[in-house]
């Protein structure tokens, strides 16, 4: 570690959805970025975390988060896909969760009611469904988030981490395709963390799914720790490299 790294806290910036920010229902005290910070501190690495993860967010909100929070960082922990890769009816009508307000909450409630009716048997096939954020837009927005942060620190290092698989196999195929886009964005220039692979390896080694997840989607403290440990290894290895 260089003298500069030793004297200046490492700045961690997290932008993403529910498994980045945590959820009100399951707790925000053990999310992936927070556990990463704690692990690094236990190694004697001074660091500060700026976590702008927001539940139910897509990469669209991620761009807005980057613009709203002009925070220079040494590491960007970037994860979107869980909501982006969700198939829904009339995806063109979209009401963001960030920034939120009472009017948007009311509008989302009406929209959800409408979509539920459109999915009924009598209307099946009338309305086309699609991804909440189509692949081309997803890739463009993710690159925009990185570019916005690079303007604040050209030496920024990026960890793109994939979505945690759900208990729905069809949905997991959608998530896998979006994880593939993340890997393409990384393409040797940034770090890519195979979240699905890490979780599969843990389960194959004897871990119970119920220990890694709090429900069908959200990581538990143990699951978050698993991903944070992999991030820690990446950062520690980076610090060994000459600057």
C-alpha atoms as a PDB file:
ATOM      1  CA  UNK A   1       0.000   0.000   0.000  1.00  0.00           C
ATOM      2  CA  UNK A   2       1.339   3.425  -0.898  1.00  0.00           C
ATOM      3  CA  UNK A   3       1.824   6.251   1.629  1.00  0.00           C
ATOM      4  CA  UNK A   4      -1.132   8.067   0.067  1.00  0.00           C
ATOM      5  CA  UNK A   5      -3.385   5.021   0.467  1.00  0.00           C
ATOM      6  CA  UNK A   6      -2.269   4.665   4.081  1.00  0.00           C
ATOM      7  CA  UNK A   7      -3.042   8.293   5.000  1.00  0.00           C
ATOM      8  CA  UNK A   8      -6.223   8.891   2.997  1.00  0.00           C
ATOM      9  CA  UNK A   9      -9.383   6.859   3.608  1.00  0.00           C
ATOM     10  CA  UNK A  10     -10.370   4.663   0.686  1.00  0.00           C
ATOM     11  CA  UNK A  11     -13.578   6.078  -0.775  1.00  0.00           C
ATOM     12  CA  UNK A  12     -16.218   3.460  -1.619  1.00  0.00           C
ATOM     13  CA  UNK A  13     -19.261   4.495  -3.658  1.00  0.00           C
ATOM     14  CA  UNK A  14     -22.160   2.036  -3.983  1.00  0.00           C
ATOM     15  CA  UNK A  15     -24.937   2.538  -6.521  1.00  0.00           C
ATOM     16  CA  UNK A  16     -27.556  -0.137  -7.081  1.00  0.00           C
ATOM     17  CA  UNK A  17     -30.852  -1.676  -6.056  1.00  0.00           C
ATOM     18  CA  UNK A  18     -32.142  -3.556  -2.993  1.00  0.00           C
ATOM     19  CA  UNK A  19     -29.128  -5.812  -2.419  1.00  0.00           C
ATOM     20  CA  UNK A  20     -26.926  -2.710  -2.510  1.00  0.00           C
ATOM     21  CA  UNK A  21     -28.973  -0.555  -0.156  1.00  0.00           C
ATOM     22  CA  UNK A  22     -30.761  -3.231   1.851  1.00  0.00           C
ATOM     23  CA  UNK A  23     -34.501  -3.154   2.488  1.00  0.00           C
ATOM     24  CA  UNK A  24     -36.680  -1.736   5.216  1.00  0.00           C
ATOM     25  CA  UNK A  25     -38.302  -5.155   5.712  1.00  0.00           C
ATOM     26  CA  UNK A  26     -35.080  -7.145   6.065  1.00  0.00           C
ATOM     27  CA  UNK A  27     -32.719  -4.472   7.352  1.00  0.00           C
ATOM     28  CA  UNK A  28     -30.176  -2.075   5.890  1.00  0.00           C
ATOM     29  CA  UNK A  29     -27.489  -2.849   8.473  1.00  0.00           C
ATOM     30  CA  UNK A  30     -25.941  -5.830   6.672  1.00  0.00           C
ATOM     31  CA  UNK A  31     -26.035  -4.951   2.970  1.00  0.00           C
ATOM     32  CA  UNK A  32     -23.100  -5.892   0.721  1.00  0.00           C
ATOM     33  CA  UNK A  33     -21.286  -2.494   0.675  1.00  0.00           C
ATOM     34  CA  UNK A  34     -21.545  -2.055   4.445  1.00  0.00           C
ATOM     35  CA  UNK A  35     -20.131  -5.513   5.064  1.00  0.00           C
ATOM     36  CA  UNK A  36     -17.315  -4.773   2.623  1.00  0.00           C
ATOM     37  CA  UNK A  37     -16.419  -1.620   4.554  1.00  0.00           C
ATOM     38  CA  UNK A  38     -16.368  -3.549   7.827  1.00  0.00           C
ATOM     39  CA  UNK A  39     -14.193  -6.311   6.370  1.00  0.00           C
ATOM     40  CA  UNK A  40     -11.679  -3.802   5.003  1.00  0.00           C
ATOM     41  CA  UNK A  41     -11.552  -1.970   8.309  1.00  0.00           C
ATOM     42  CA  UNK A  42     -10.826  -5.233  10.119  1.00  0.00           C
ATOM     43  CA  UNK A  43      -7.799  -5.555   7.838  1.00  0.00           C
ATOM     44  CA  UNK A  44      -6.646  -2.115   8.935  1.00  0.00           C
ATOM     45  CA  UNK A  45      -7.725  -0.381   5.718  1.00  0.00           C
ATOM     46  CA  UNK A  46      -9.279   2.992   6.518  1.00  0.00           C
ATOM     47  CA  UNK A  47     -12.296   3.569   4.274  1.00  0.00           C
ATOM     48  CA  UNK A  48     -15.466   5.586   3.929  1.00  0.00           C
ATOM     49  CA  UNK A  49     -18.672   4.312   2.351  1.00  0.00           C
ATOM     50  CA  UNK A  50     -21.220   6.346   0.415  1.00  0.00           C
ATOM     51  CA  UNK A  51     -24.141   4.015  -0.272  1.00  0.00           C
ATOM     52  CA  UNK A  52     -26.895   5.244  -2.581  1.00  0.00           C
ATOM     53  CA  UNK A  53     -28.539   1.875  -3.160  1.00  0.00           C
ATOM     54  CA  UNK A  54     -32.327   2.149  -3.413  1.00  0.00           C
ATOM     55  CA  UNK A  55     -34.819  -0.708  -3.459  1.00  0.00           C
ATOM     56  CA  UNK A  56     -36.786  -1.339  -6.677  1.00  0.00           C
ATOM     57  CA  UNK A  57     -34.381   0.818  -8.687  1.00  0.00           C
ATOM     58  CA  UNK A  58     -33.143   0.353 -12.233  1.00  0.00           C
ATOM     59  CA  UNK A  59     -30.095   1.735 -14.021  1.00  0.00           C
ATOM     60  CA  UNK A  60     -32.228   4.734 -14.988  1.00  0.00           C
ATOM     61  CA  UNK A  61     -32.379   5.767 -11.350  1.00  0.00           C
ATOM     62  CA  UNK A  62     -28.689   4.908 -11.121  1.00  0.00           C
ATOM     63  CA  UNK A  63     -27.837   7.671 -13.587  1.00  0.00           C
ATOM     64  CA  UNK A  64     -29.905  10.118 -11.560  1.00  0.00           C
ATOM     65  CA  UNK A  65     -28.190   8.975  -8.343  1.00  0.00           C
ATOM     66  CA  UNK A  66     -24.807   9.682  -9.935  1.00  0.00           C
ATOM     67  CA  UNK A  67     -25.908  13.144 -10.994  1.00  0.00           C
ATOM     68  CA  UNK A  68     -27.463  13.967  -7.629  1.00  0.00           C
ATOM     69  CA  UNK A  69     -24.513  12.783  -5.542  1.00  0.00           C
ATOM     70  CA  UNK A  70     -21.311  14.243  -6.944  1.00  0.00           C
ATOM     71  CA  UNK A  71     -19.119  11.976  -4.833  1.00  0.00           C
ATOM     72  CA  UNK A  72     -15.590  11.248  -6.037  1.00  0.00           C
ATOM     73  CA  UNK A  73     -14.574   7.695  -5.155  1.00  0.00           C
ATOM     74  CA  UNK A  74     -11.701   5.239  -5.424  1.00  0.00           C
ATOM     75  CA  UNK A  75     -14.086   2.315  -6.018  1.00  0.00           C
ATOM     76  CA  UNK A  76     -17.498   2.237  -7.606  1.00  0.00           C
ATOM     77  CA  UNK A  77     -19.576  -0.787  -6.589  1.00  0.00           C
ATOM     78  CA  UNK A  78     -22.227  -0.958  -9.297  1.00  0.00           C
ATOM     79  CA  UNK A  79     -25.134  -3.406  -9.439  1.00  0.00           C
ATOM     80  CA  UNK A  80     -28.391  -3.186 -11.364  1.00  0.00           C
ATOM     81  CA  UNK A  81     -30.404  -5.833 -13.173  1.00  0.00           C
ATOM     82  CA  UNK A  82     -32.853  -7.346 -10.733  1.00  0.00           C
ATOM     83  CA  UNK A  83     -35.578  -4.866 -11.684  1.00  0.00           C
ATOM     84  CA  UNK A  84     -34.214  -3.971 -15.150  1.00  0.00           C
ATOM     85  CA  UNK A  85     -34.531  -7.605 -16.280  1.00  0.00           C
ATOM     86  CA  UNK A  86     -38.081  -7.967 -14.997  1.00  0.00           C
ATOM     87  CA  UNK A  87     -40.712  -8.642 -17.694  1.00  0.00           C
ATOM     88  CA  UNK A  88     -43.833  -6.557 -17.313  1.00  0.00           C
ATOM     89  CA  UNK A  89     -46.818  -5.466 -19.371  1.00  0.00           C
ATOM     90  CA  UNK A  90     -46.694  -2.030 -21.038  1.00  0.00           C
ATOM     91  CA  UNK A  91     -43.091  -1.451 -19.911  1.00  0.00           C
ATOM     92  CA  UNK A  92     -43.091   1.862 -21.776  1.00  0.00           C
ATOM     93  CA  UNK A  93     -45.068   3.340 -18.874  1.00  0.00           C
ATOM     94  CA  UNK A  94     -42.521   3.645 -16.115  1.00  0.00           C
ATOM     95  CA  UNK A  95     -42.665   5.442 -12.762  1.00  0.00           C
ATOM     96  CA  UNK A  96     -39.305   5.558 -11.012  1.00  0.00           C
ATOM     97  CA  UNK A  97     -38.675   4.859  -7.344  1.00  0.00           C
ATOM     98  CA  UNK A  98     -35.889   7.421  -7.112  1.00  0.00           C
ATOM     99  CA  UNK A  99     -36.304  10.147  -6.146  1.00  0.00           C
ATOM    100  CA  UNK A 100     -39.655   9.211  -4.622  1.00  0.00           C
ATOM    101  CA  UNK A 101     -42.652  11.190  -3.428  1.00  0.00           C
ATOM    102  CA  UNK A 102     -46.305  10.663  -2.475  1.00  0.00           C
ATOM    103  CA  UNK A 103     -47.614  11.437  -5.952  1.00  0.00           C
ATOM    104  CA  UNK A 104     -45.333   8.852  -7.578  1.00  0.00           C
ATOM    105  CA  UNK A 105     -46.302   6.254  -4.969  1.00  0.00           C
ATOM    106  CA  UNK A 106     -49.980   6.854  -5.712  1.00  0.00           C
ATOM    107  CA  UNK A 107     -49.363   6.678  -9.474  1.00  0.00           C
ATOM    108  CA  UNK A 108     -47.452   3.392  -9.108  1.00  0.00           C
ATOM    109  CA  UNK A 109     -50.345   1.915  -7.138  1.00  0.00           C
ATOM    110  CA  UNK A 110     -52.763   2.783  -9.959  1.00  0.00           C
ATOM    111  CA  UNK A 111     -50.346   1.484 -12.602  1.00  0.00           C
ATOM    112  CA  UNK A 112     -49.871  -1.828 -10.793  1.00  0.00           C
ATOM    113  CA  UNK A 113     -53.632  -2.251 -10.565  1.00  0.00           C
ATOM    114  CA  UNK A 114     -53.979  -1.570 -14.299  1.00  0.00           C
ATOM    115  CA  UNK A 115     -51.218  -4.027 -15.217  1.00  0.00           C
ATOM    116  CA  UNK A 116     -52.764  -6.698 -13.023  1.00  0.00           C
ATOM    117  CA  UNK A 117     -56.048  -6.356 -14.894  1.00  0.00           C
ATOM    118  CA  UNK A 118     -54.293  -6.448 -18.252  1.00  0.00           C
ATOM    119  CA  UNK A 119     -52.688  -9.764 -17.299  1.00  0.00           C
ATOM    120  CA  UNK A 120     -56.112 -11.346 -16.786  1.00  0.00           C
ATOM    121  CA  UNK A 121     -57.183 -14.308 -18.984  1.00  0.00           C
ATOM    122  CA  UNK A 122     -59.710 -12.237 -20.947  1.00  0.00           C
ATOM    123  CA  UNK A 123     -57.021  -9.777 -22.058  1.00  0.00           C
ATOM    124  CA  UNK A 124     -54.147 -12.216 -22.433  1.00  0.00           C
ATOM    125  CA  UNK A 125     -52.237 -11.512 -25.634  1.00  0.00           C
ATOM    126  CA  UNK A 126     -53.735  -8.074 -26.141  1.00  0.00           C
ATOM    127  CA  UNK A 127     -50.929  -6.215 -24.453  1.00  0.00           C
ATOM    128  CA  UNK A 128     -47.281  -6.901 -25.198  1.00  0.00           C
ATOM    129  CA  UNK A 129     -44.847  -7.418 -22.363  1.00  0.00           C
ATOM    130  CA  UNK A 130     -41.183  -6.531 -22.236  1.00  0.00           C
ATOM    131  CA  UNK A 131     -38.261  -5.887 -19.932  1.00  0.00           C
ATOM    132  CA  UNK A 132     -38.532  -2.940 -17.567  1.00  0.00           C
ATOM    133  CA  UNK A 133     -35.302  -1.678 -19.155  1.00  0.00           C
ATOM    134  CA  UNK A 134     -34.423  -3.154 -22.531  1.00  0.00           C
ATOM    135  CA  UNK A 135     -30.859  -4.487 -23.066  1.00  0.00           C
ATOM    136  CA  UNK A 136     -29.584  -1.623 -25.232  1.00  0.00           C
ATOM    137  CA  UNK A 137     -30.752   1.004 -22.774  1.00  0.00           C
ATOM    138  CA  UNK A 138     -29.410  -1.018 -19.848  1.00  0.00           C
ATOM    139  CA  UNK A 139     -25.927  -1.157 -21.316  1.00  0.00           C
ATOM    140  CA  UNK A 140     -25.994   2.523 -22.257  1.00  0.00           C
ATOM    141  CA  UNK A 141     -27.153   3.645 -18.812  1.00  0.00           C
ATOM    142  CA  UNK A 142     -24.601   1.481 -16.988  1.00  0.00           C
ATOM    143  CA  UNK A 143     -21.802   2.955 -19.090  1.00  0.00           C
ATOM    144  CA  UNK A 144     -23.159   6.449 -18.390  1.00  0.00           C
ATOM    145  CA  UNK A 145     -22.974   5.860 -14.634  1.00  0.00           C
ATOM    146  CA  UNK A 146     -19.330   4.819 -14.939  1.00  0.00           C
ATOM    147  CA  UNK A 147     -18.503   7.771 -17.179  1.00  0.00           C
ATOM    148  CA  UNK A 148     -20.101  10.220 -14.739  1.00  0.00           C
ATOM    149  CA  UNK A 149     -17.961   8.849 -11.915  1.00  0.00           C
ATOM    150  CA  UNK A 150     -14.794   8.810 -14.010  1.00  0.00           C
ATOM    151  CA  UNK A 151     -15.167  12.550 -14.504  1.00  0.00           C
ATOM    152  CA  UNK A 152     -14.801  12.955 -10.738  1.00  0.00           C
ATOM    153  CA  UNK A 153     -11.846  10.579 -10.503  1.00  0.00           C
ATOM    154  CA  UNK A 154     -10.149   9.361 -13.709  1.00  0.00           C
ATOM    155  CA  UNK A 155      -8.331   6.705 -11.636  1.00  0.00           C
ATOM    156  CA  UNK A 156     -11.607   5.212 -10.430  1.00  0.00           C
ATOM    157  CA  UNK A 157     -11.752   1.424 -10.171  1.00  0.00           C
ATOM    158  CA  UNK A 158     -15.075  -0.252 -10.860  1.00  0.00           C
ATOM    159  CA  UNK A 159     -16.538  -3.483  -9.516  1.00  0.00           C
ATOM    160  CA  UNK A 160     -19.559  -4.563 -11.539  1.00  0.00           C
ATOM    161  CA  UNK A 161     -21.373  -7.280  -9.639  1.00  0.00           C
ATOM    162  CA  UNK A 162     -24.130  -9.411 -11.052  1.00  0.00           C
ATOM    163  CA  UNK A 163     -27.581  -9.966  -9.615  1.00  0.00           C
ATOM    164  CA  UNK A 164     -28.303 -12.674  -7.085  1.00  0.00           C
ATOM    165  CA  UNK A 165     -30.465 -15.402  -8.676  1.00  0.00           C
ATOM    166  CA  UNK A 166     -34.067 -15.704  -7.508  1.00  0.00           C
ATOM    167  CA  UNK A 167     -36.138 -18.848  -6.863  1.00  0.00           C
ATOM    168  CA  UNK A 168     -37.748 -18.496 -10.313  1.00  0.00           C
ATOM    169  CA  UNK A 169     -35.774 -20.259 -13.039  1.00  0.00           C
ATOM    170  CA  UNK A 170     -37.345 -18.331 -15.926  1.00  0.00           C
ATOM    171  CA  UNK A 171     -36.488 -15.054 -14.257  1.00  0.00           C
ATOM    172  CA  UNK A 172     -32.963 -16.326 -13.645  1.00  0.00           C
ATOM    173  CA  UNK A 173     -32.444 -16.780 -17.394  1.00  0.00           C
ATOM    174  CA  UNK A 174     -33.314 -13.109 -17.848  1.00  0.00           C
ATOM    175  CA  UNK A 175     -30.929 -12.103 -15.061  1.00  0.00           C
ATOM    176  CA  UNK A 176     -28.160 -14.224 -16.572  1.00  0.00           C
ATOM    177  CA  UNK A 177     -28.475 -12.381 -19.885  1.00  0.00           C
ATOM    178  CA  UNK A 178     -28.156  -9.004 -18.132  1.00  0.00           C
ATOM    179  CA  UNK A 179     -25.184 -10.287 -16.131  1.00  0.00           C
ATOM    180  CA  UNK A 180     -23.614 -11.132 -19.478  1.00  0.00           C
ATOM    181  CA  UNK A 181     -23.999  -7.492 -20.514  1.00  0.00           C
ATOM    182  CA  UNK A 182     -22.257  -6.460 -17.286  1.00  0.00           C
ATOM    183  CA  UNK A 183     -19.374  -8.769 -18.072  1.00  0.00           C
ATOM    184  CA  UNK A 184     -19.110  -7.272 -21.560  1.00  0.00           C
ATOM    185  CA  UNK A 185     -19.005  -3.757 -20.077  1.00  0.00           C
ATOM    186  CA  UNK A 186     -16.187  -4.853 -17.766  1.00  0.00           C
ATOM    187  CA  UNK A 187     -14.278  -6.551 -20.621  1.00  0.00           C
ATOM    188  CA  UNK A 188     -10.901  -6.493 -18.880  1.00  0.00           C
ATOM    189  CA  UNK A 189     -11.095  -2.777 -18.089  1.00  0.00           C
ATOM    190  CA  UNK A 190     -13.122  -3.134 -14.902  1.00  0.00           C
ATOM    191  CA  UNK A 191     -13.686  -5.892 -12.366  1.00  0.00           C
ATOM    192  CA  UNK A 192     -16.644  -8.222 -12.883  1.00  0.00           C
ATOM    193  CA  UNK A 193     -17.968 -10.222  -9.942  1.00  0.00           C
ATOM    194  CA  UNK A 194     -19.980 -13.335 -10.787  1.00  0.00           C
ATOM    195  CA  UNK A 195     -22.536 -13.193  -7.979  1.00  0.00           C
ATOM    196  CA  UNK A 196     -24.584 -16.108  -9.309  1.00  0.00           C
ATOM    197  CA  UNK A 197     -21.466 -18.246  -9.585  1.00  0.00           C
ATOM    198  CA  UNK A 198     -20.383 -17.441  -6.028  1.00  0.00           C
ATOM    199  CA  UNK A 199     -23.799 -18.357  -4.641  1.00  0.00           C
ATOM    200  CA  UNK A 200     -23.947 -21.581  -6.659  1.00  0.00           C
ATOM    201  CA  UNK A 201     -20.477 -22.542  -5.428  1.00  0.00           C
ATOM    202  CA  UNK A 202     -21.525 -21.921  -1.819  1.00  0.00           C
ATOM    203  CA  UNK A 203     -24.677 -24.037  -2.202  1.00  0.00           C
ATOM    204  CA  UNK A 204     -22.752 -26.812  -3.977  1.00  0.00           C
ATOM    205  CA  UNK A 205     -20.356 -26.764  -1.011  1.00  0.00           C
ATOM    206  CA  UNK A 206     -23.174 -27.404   1.443  1.00  0.00           C
ATOM    207  CA  UNK A 207     -24.701 -24.020   2.250  1.00  0.00           C
ATOM    208  CA  UNK A 208     -28.491 -23.856   2.449  1.00  0.00           C
ATOM    209  CA  UNK A 209     -30.288 -21.409   0.180  1.00  0.00           C
ATOM    210  CA  UNK A 210     -32.353 -20.221   3.129  1.00  0.00           C
ATOM    211  CA  UNK A 211     -29.136 -19.215   4.873  1.00  0.00           C
ATOM    212  CA  UNK A 212     -27.987 -17.102   1.914  1.00  0.00           C
ATOM    213  CA  UNK A 213     -31.354 -15.427   1.271  1.00  0.00           C
ATOM    214  CA  UNK A 214     -33.985 -13.767   3.454  1.00  0.00           C
ATOM    215  CA  UNK A 215     -36.631 -14.493   0.831  1.00  0.00           C
ATOM    216  CA  UNK A 216     -36.796 -15.285  -2.896  1.00  0.00           C
ATOM    217  CA  UNK A 217     -34.770 -12.212  -3.874  1.00  0.00           C
ATOM    218  CA  UNK A 218     -32.992 -10.478  -1.001  1.00  0.00           C
ATOM    219  CA  UNK A 219     -29.649 -11.615   0.358  1.00  0.00           C
ATOM    220  CA  UNK A 220     -29.330 -12.411   4.047  1.00  0.00           C
ATOM    221  CA  UNK A 221     -26.434 -11.247   6.217  1.00  0.00           C
ATOM    222  CA  UNK A 222     -24.605 -14.445   5.256  1.00  0.00           C
ATOM    223  CA  UNK A 223     -25.292 -13.942   1.559  1.00  0.00           C
ATOM    224  CA  UNK A 224     -24.179 -10.316   1.683  1.00  0.00           C
ATOM    225  CA  UNK A 225     -21.011 -11.364   3.504  1.00  0.00           C
ATOM    226  CA  UNK A 226     -20.239 -13.886   0.762  1.00  0.00           C
ATOM    227  CA  UNK A 227     -20.308 -11.188  -1.927  1.00  0.00           C
ATOM    228  CA  UNK A 228     -18.497  -8.640   0.257  1.00  0.00           C
ATOM    229  CA  UNK A 229     -15.658 -11.111   0.871  1.00  0.00           C
ATOM    230  CA  UNK A 230     -15.134 -11.493  -2.874  1.00  0.00           C
ATOM    231  CA  UNK A 231     -15.039  -7.697  -3.259  1.00  0.00           C
ATOM    232  CA  UNK A 232     -12.559  -7.470  -0.412  1.00  0.00           C
ATOM    233  CA  UNK A 233     -10.248  -9.902  -2.204  1.00  0.00           C
ATOM    234  CA  UNK A 234     -10.387  -7.786  -5.363  1.00  0.00           C
ATOM    235  CA  UNK A 235      -9.508  -4.578  -3.508  1.00  0.00           C
ATOM    236  CA  UNK A 236      -6.707  -6.187  -1.497  1.00  0.00           C
ATOM    237  CA  UNK A 237      -5.177  -7.585  -4.685  1.00  0.00           C
ATOM    238  CA  UNK A 238      -5.426  -4.180  -6.354  1.00  0.00           C
ATOM    239  CA  UNK A 239      -3.560  -2.600  -3.452  1.00  0.00           C
ATOM    240  CA  UNK A 240      -0.681  -4.983  -3.960  1.00  0.00           C
ATOM    241  CA  UNK A 241      -0.172  -3.659  -7.470  1.00  0.00           C
ATOM    242  CA  UNK A 242       2.354  -0.820  -7.989  1.00  0.00           C
ATOM    243  CA  UNK A 243       0.771   2.577  -8.564  1.00  0.00           C
END
